[in-house]
Protein backbone atom coordinates (compact mmCIF):
# COMPACT_ATOMS: atom_id res chain seq x y z
CA MET A 1 -12.56 -16.28 -45.27
CA THR A 2 -10.55 -19.16 -43.85
CA LYS A 3 -12.02 -21.95 -41.74
CA GLN A 4 -9.78 -20.74 -38.91
CA THR A 5 -11.46 -17.31 -39.01
CA LEU A 6 -14.92 -18.91 -39.01
CA ARG A 7 -13.99 -21.10 -36.04
CA ARG A 8 -12.68 -18.07 -34.16
CA LEU A 9 -15.91 -16.17 -34.80
CA ALA A 10 -17.96 -19.16 -33.65
CA ALA A 11 -15.86 -19.52 -30.49
CA THR A 12 -16.30 -15.81 -29.72
CA ALA A 13 -20.06 -16.05 -30.21
CA LEU A 14 -20.34 -19.12 -28.02
CA CYS A 15 -18.25 -17.49 -25.31
CA LEU A 16 -20.36 -14.33 -25.29
CA GLY A 17 -23.53 -16.39 -25.38
CA ALA A 18 -22.41 -18.42 -22.37
CA MET A 19 -21.56 -15.28 -20.39
CA GLY A 20 -24.76 -13.52 -21.35
CA SER A 21 -25.03 -9.90 -22.38
CA SER A 22 -26.63 -6.99 -20.61
CA LEU A 23 -27.86 -5.80 -24.01
CA ALA A 24 -29.45 -8.93 -25.46
CA GLN A 25 -30.26 -12.57 -24.74
CA LEU A 26 -31.09 -15.16 -27.40
CA SER A 27 -33.14 -18.22 -26.44
CA ALA A 28 -35.04 -21.07 -28.07
CA GLY A 29 -38.53 -22.18 -27.15
CA HIS A 30 -37.25 -25.73 -26.49
CA SER A 31 -33.88 -27.45 -26.11
CA GLY A 32 -34.58 -29.67 -29.12
CA ALA A 33 -37.12 -30.39 -31.81
CA ASN A 34 -38.60 -33.24 -33.83
CA PRO A 35 -39.42 -33.14 -37.57
CA GLY A 36 -42.41 -30.87 -38.22
CA ASP A 37 -42.14 -29.06 -34.88
CA THR A 38 -42.27 -25.27 -34.90
CA LEU A 39 -38.88 -23.91 -33.89
CA GLN A 40 -39.03 -20.49 -32.23
CA LEU A 41 -36.16 -18.19 -31.35
CA HIS A 42 -36.61 -15.16 -29.09
CA LEU A 43 -34.34 -12.22 -28.41
CA ASN A 44 -34.68 -10.19 -25.24
CA LEU A 45 -33.37 -6.65 -25.77
CA ALA A 46 -32.57 -4.32 -22.91
CA ALA A 47 -33.22 -1.29 -25.15
CA ALA A 48 -34.64 -0.57 -28.58
CA ARG A 49 -32.28 -0.86 -31.54
CA GLY A 50 -32.41 1.09 -34.78
CA ASP A 51 -29.75 -0.86 -36.69
CA ASN A 52 -29.94 -4.28 -38.32
CA LEU A 53 -30.48 -7.68 -36.76
CA TYR A 54 -28.45 -10.52 -38.26
CA LEU A 55 -29.38 -14.12 -37.55
CA ALA A 56 -27.24 -17.09 -38.56
CA ALA A 57 -27.45 -20.85 -38.19
CA GLN A 58 -24.15 -22.67 -37.78
CA LEU A 59 -24.24 -26.28 -38.92
CA GLY A 60 -20.89 -28.01 -38.77
CA GLY A 61 -18.33 -25.51 -39.98
CA ASN A 62 -20.76 -23.62 -42.21
CA PHE A 63 -22.80 -20.47 -41.61
CA TYR A 64 -26.24 -19.79 -43.09
CA PHE A 65 -28.02 -16.45 -42.73
CA PHE A 66 -31.77 -15.81 -42.47
CA ASP A 67 -33.14 -12.97 -44.59
CA GLU A 68 -36.15 -10.73 -44.00
CA ALA A 69 -38.53 -13.31 -45.50
CA GLY A 70 -37.17 -16.06 -43.25
CA GLY A 71 -35.28 -17.67 -46.13
CA LEU A 72 -31.93 -19.30 -45.47
CA SER A 73 -28.84 -18.75 -47.62
CA PRO A 74 -25.23 -19.89 -47.20
CA TYR A 75 -22.60 -17.38 -46.16
CA VAL A 76 -20.73 -15.99 -49.16
CA PRO A 77 -17.39 -14.32 -48.29
CA GLY A 78 -17.25 -10.78 -49.64
CA ALA A 79 -20.95 -10.58 -50.46
CA PRO A 80 -23.39 -8.39 -48.48
CA THR A 81 -24.80 -10.38 -45.56
CA PRO A 82 -28.62 -10.49 -45.57
CA ARG A 83 -30.19 -8.95 -42.51
CA ARG A 84 -33.01 -10.64 -40.63
CA ARG A 85 -34.74 -7.33 -40.11
CA ALA A 86 -34.24 -3.67 -39.28
CA GLY A 87 -34.48 -2.45 -35.70
CA GLY A 88 -36.01 -4.02 -32.65
CA SER A 89 -38.10 -3.02 -29.65
CA ALA A 90 -37.03 -3.39 -26.03
CA GLY A 91 -38.15 -6.59 -24.34
CA GLN A 92 -38.69 -10.09 -25.68
CA GLN A 93 -39.46 -10.48 -29.36
CA SER A 94 -39.68 -13.35 -31.79
CA VAL A 95 -36.85 -13.39 -34.32
CA LEU A 96 -37.58 -16.72 -36.02
CA GLU A 97 -40.43 -19.21 -36.34
CA ILE A 98 -39.93 -22.09 -38.77
CA ALA A 99 -41.04 -25.70 -39.20
CA VAL A 100 -38.22 -28.18 -38.58
CA PRO A 101 -37.50 -30.07 -41.81
CA GLU A 102 -37.14 -33.83 -41.90
CA GLY A 103 -33.80 -35.60 -42.05
CA ILE A 104 -31.67 -33.29 -39.91
CA ASP A 105 -29.76 -35.02 -37.12
CA ALA A 106 -27.52 -32.36 -35.62
CA ALA A 107 -27.13 -29.70 -32.98
CA VAL A 108 -27.54 -26.33 -34.66
CA THR A 109 -26.02 -23.20 -33.12
CA PHE A 110 -27.90 -20.00 -33.80
CA HIS A 111 -26.08 -16.65 -33.60
CA ALA A 112 -27.75 -13.24 -33.43
CA ALA A 113 -26.19 -9.78 -33.43
CA TYR A 114 -27.05 -6.17 -34.20
CA GLY A 115 -25.01 -3.77 -36.29
CA PRO A 116 -25.03 -1.27 -39.17
CA GLY A 117 -23.97 -3.98 -41.63
CA GLY A 118 -23.96 -3.05 -45.28
CA GLY A 119 -21.39 -5.61 -46.40
CA ASP A 120 -19.87 -8.90 -45.35
CA ILE A 121 -20.43 -8.65 -41.58
CA LEU A 122 -17.93 -11.43 -40.82
CA THR A 123 -15.00 -9.54 -42.35
CA THR A 124 -15.97 -5.87 -42.10
CA PRO A 125 -14.74 -4.22 -38.88
CA GLY A 126 -17.57 -2.60 -36.92
CA ALA A 127 -20.29 -4.25 -39.02
CA VAL A 128 -21.75 -5.86 -35.88
CA ASP A 129 -21.98 -4.72 -32.27
CA MET A 130 -20.06 -7.49 -30.50
CA ALA A 131 -21.77 -6.60 -27.22
CA THR A 132 -25.05 -7.84 -28.69
CA LEU A 133 -23.64 -11.11 -30.10
CA GLN A 134 -25.55 -14.04 -28.62
CA SER A 135 -25.80 -17.80 -29.25
CA THR A 136 -28.10 -20.67 -28.44
CA VAL A 137 -27.99 -24.35 -29.40
CA VAL A 138 -30.99 -26.44 -30.52
CA ASP A 139 -30.73 -30.20 -31.03
CA LEU A 140 -32.65 -31.41 -34.09
CA THR A 141 -33.50 -35.08 -34.44
CA PRO A 142 -35.02 -36.90 -37.43
CA ILE A 143 -36.90 -39.30 -35.11
CA PRO A 144 -40.60 -38.42 -34.54
CA GLY A 145 -41.04 -38.23 -30.78
CA GLY A 146 -44.85 -38.49 -30.73
CA PRO A 147 -45.14 -42.09 -31.96
CA SER A 148 -42.27 -43.15 -29.67
CA TYR A 149 -44.02 -41.57 -26.70
CA ALA A 150 -47.31 -43.27 -27.62
CA ALA A 151 -45.66 -46.67 -27.97
CA ASN A 152 -43.44 -46.55 -24.89
CA CYS A 153 -44.70 -43.97 -22.39
CA GLN A 154 -48.41 -43.34 -22.83
CA SER A 155 -49.62 -46.46 -20.99
CA CYS A 156 -48.10 -45.19 -17.72
CA HIS A 157 -48.07 -41.42 -18.27
CA ASP A 158 -51.31 -40.75 -20.18
CA TYR A 159 -51.92 -39.37 -23.64
CA ASP A 160 -51.24 -35.73 -22.77
CA PRO A 161 -47.90 -35.06 -21.01
CA THR A 162 -49.01 -31.57 -20.01
CA ALA A 163 -51.23 -33.23 -17.37
CA ASN A 164 -47.98 -34.41 -15.72
CA PHE A 165 -49.43 -37.82 -14.83
CA ASN A 166 -46.84 -39.84 -12.89
CA ASN A 167 -44.46 -36.86 -13.13
CA ILE A 168 -43.91 -37.18 -16.88
CA GLN A 169 -42.82 -33.54 -17.06
CA ALA A 170 -39.49 -34.64 -15.58
CA GLY A 171 -39.00 -36.23 -18.98
CA ARG A 172 -38.48 -32.81 -20.52
CA ASP A 173 -34.87 -33.57 -19.59
CA ALA A 174 -33.65 -36.56 -21.63
CA ALA A 175 -30.98 -37.32 -19.01
CA LYS A 176 -33.72 -37.88 -16.41
CA ILE A 177 -35.48 -40.37 -18.68
CA GLN A 178 -32.20 -42.22 -19.16
CA ALA A 179 -31.53 -42.23 -15.42
CA ALA A 180 -35.04 -43.54 -14.66
CA ILE A 181 -34.54 -46.36 -17.17
CA ALA A 182 -31.14 -47.23 -15.72
CA ALA A 183 -32.60 -47.31 -12.19
CA ASP A 184 -35.70 -49.25 -13.32
CA LYS A 185 -37.84 -46.56 -11.72
CA GLY A 186 -41.48 -47.63 -11.87
CA GLY A 187 -40.52 -50.52 -14.11
CA MET A 188 -38.93 -48.24 -16.72
CA GLY A 189 -36.02 -50.64 -17.06
CA GLN A 190 -38.06 -52.42 -19.73
CA LEU A 191 -37.34 -49.43 -22.00
CA ALA A 192 -33.59 -50.07 -22.00
CA PHE A 193 -33.82 -50.92 -25.70
CA LEU A 194 -34.47 -47.25 -26.55
CA SER A 195 -31.54 -45.48 -28.17
CA ALA A 196 -30.20 -42.18 -26.86
CA ARG A 197 -31.59 -40.40 -29.95
CA GLU A 198 -35.05 -41.90 -29.47
CA ILE A 199 -35.03 -40.85 -25.80
CA ALA A 200 -34.05 -37.34 -26.90
CA ALA A 201 -36.90 -37.29 -29.43
CA ILE A 202 -39.37 -38.34 -26.73
CA SER A 203 -38.02 -35.64 -24.44
CA TYR A 204 -38.48 -32.97 -27.10
CA TRP A 205 -42.02 -34.14 -27.74
CA ILE A 206 -42.80 -33.86 -24.01
CA GLN A 207 -41.49 -30.28 -24.19
CA ASN A 208 -43.67 -29.52 -27.20
CA PRO A 209 -46.41 -32.15 -27.68
CA ARG A 210 -48.13 -32.32 -31.07
CA PHE A 211 -51.16 -34.56 -31.09
CA ASP A 212 -51.25 -34.75 -34.89
CA CYS A 213 -48.14 -36.94 -34.95
CA HIS A 214 -49.25 -39.87 -32.72
């Protein structure tokens, strides 16, 4: 399969994901994740499915498919595509739960679709039901957000961000942290030395705090 074909498939998936489908909706537990975080993906199905679920991670121009054991293997043109699992019940269900490995600094696009499969689903016509094709993007950072939060935020916002002391939950959105620093809100201008990636890592930790990583 040519890179042009892969790009076209990715563009189609992203377009359908942006529009949303009446049959399925793929979502991540959080907009981003730090090393060691548990990454969860959920699929909301309007009706039960009896065919196969396929789940892929797109990193750069490459596709990797998750198998039934949760293992990840690169896409091989012409080879049978591993399915994530068979069937699915109506309503929200977990389709992936993995620990984020260290060293990844990239936005990963996840694609999910149902279909009869049986071969290379990217080249076989009718191998996937395009109406169920969904996408979601998760930003992975190699920077541990917990220690950064403890060093730069905890003195004003408390140890546990879930308590929302001094409205720290607004920091779930990295852009709001950046804006508060730029406006020197509550003296946050002193954090102007933080990089955009470190602010993102802090934001992801606020979304999903782990107290073992302080």
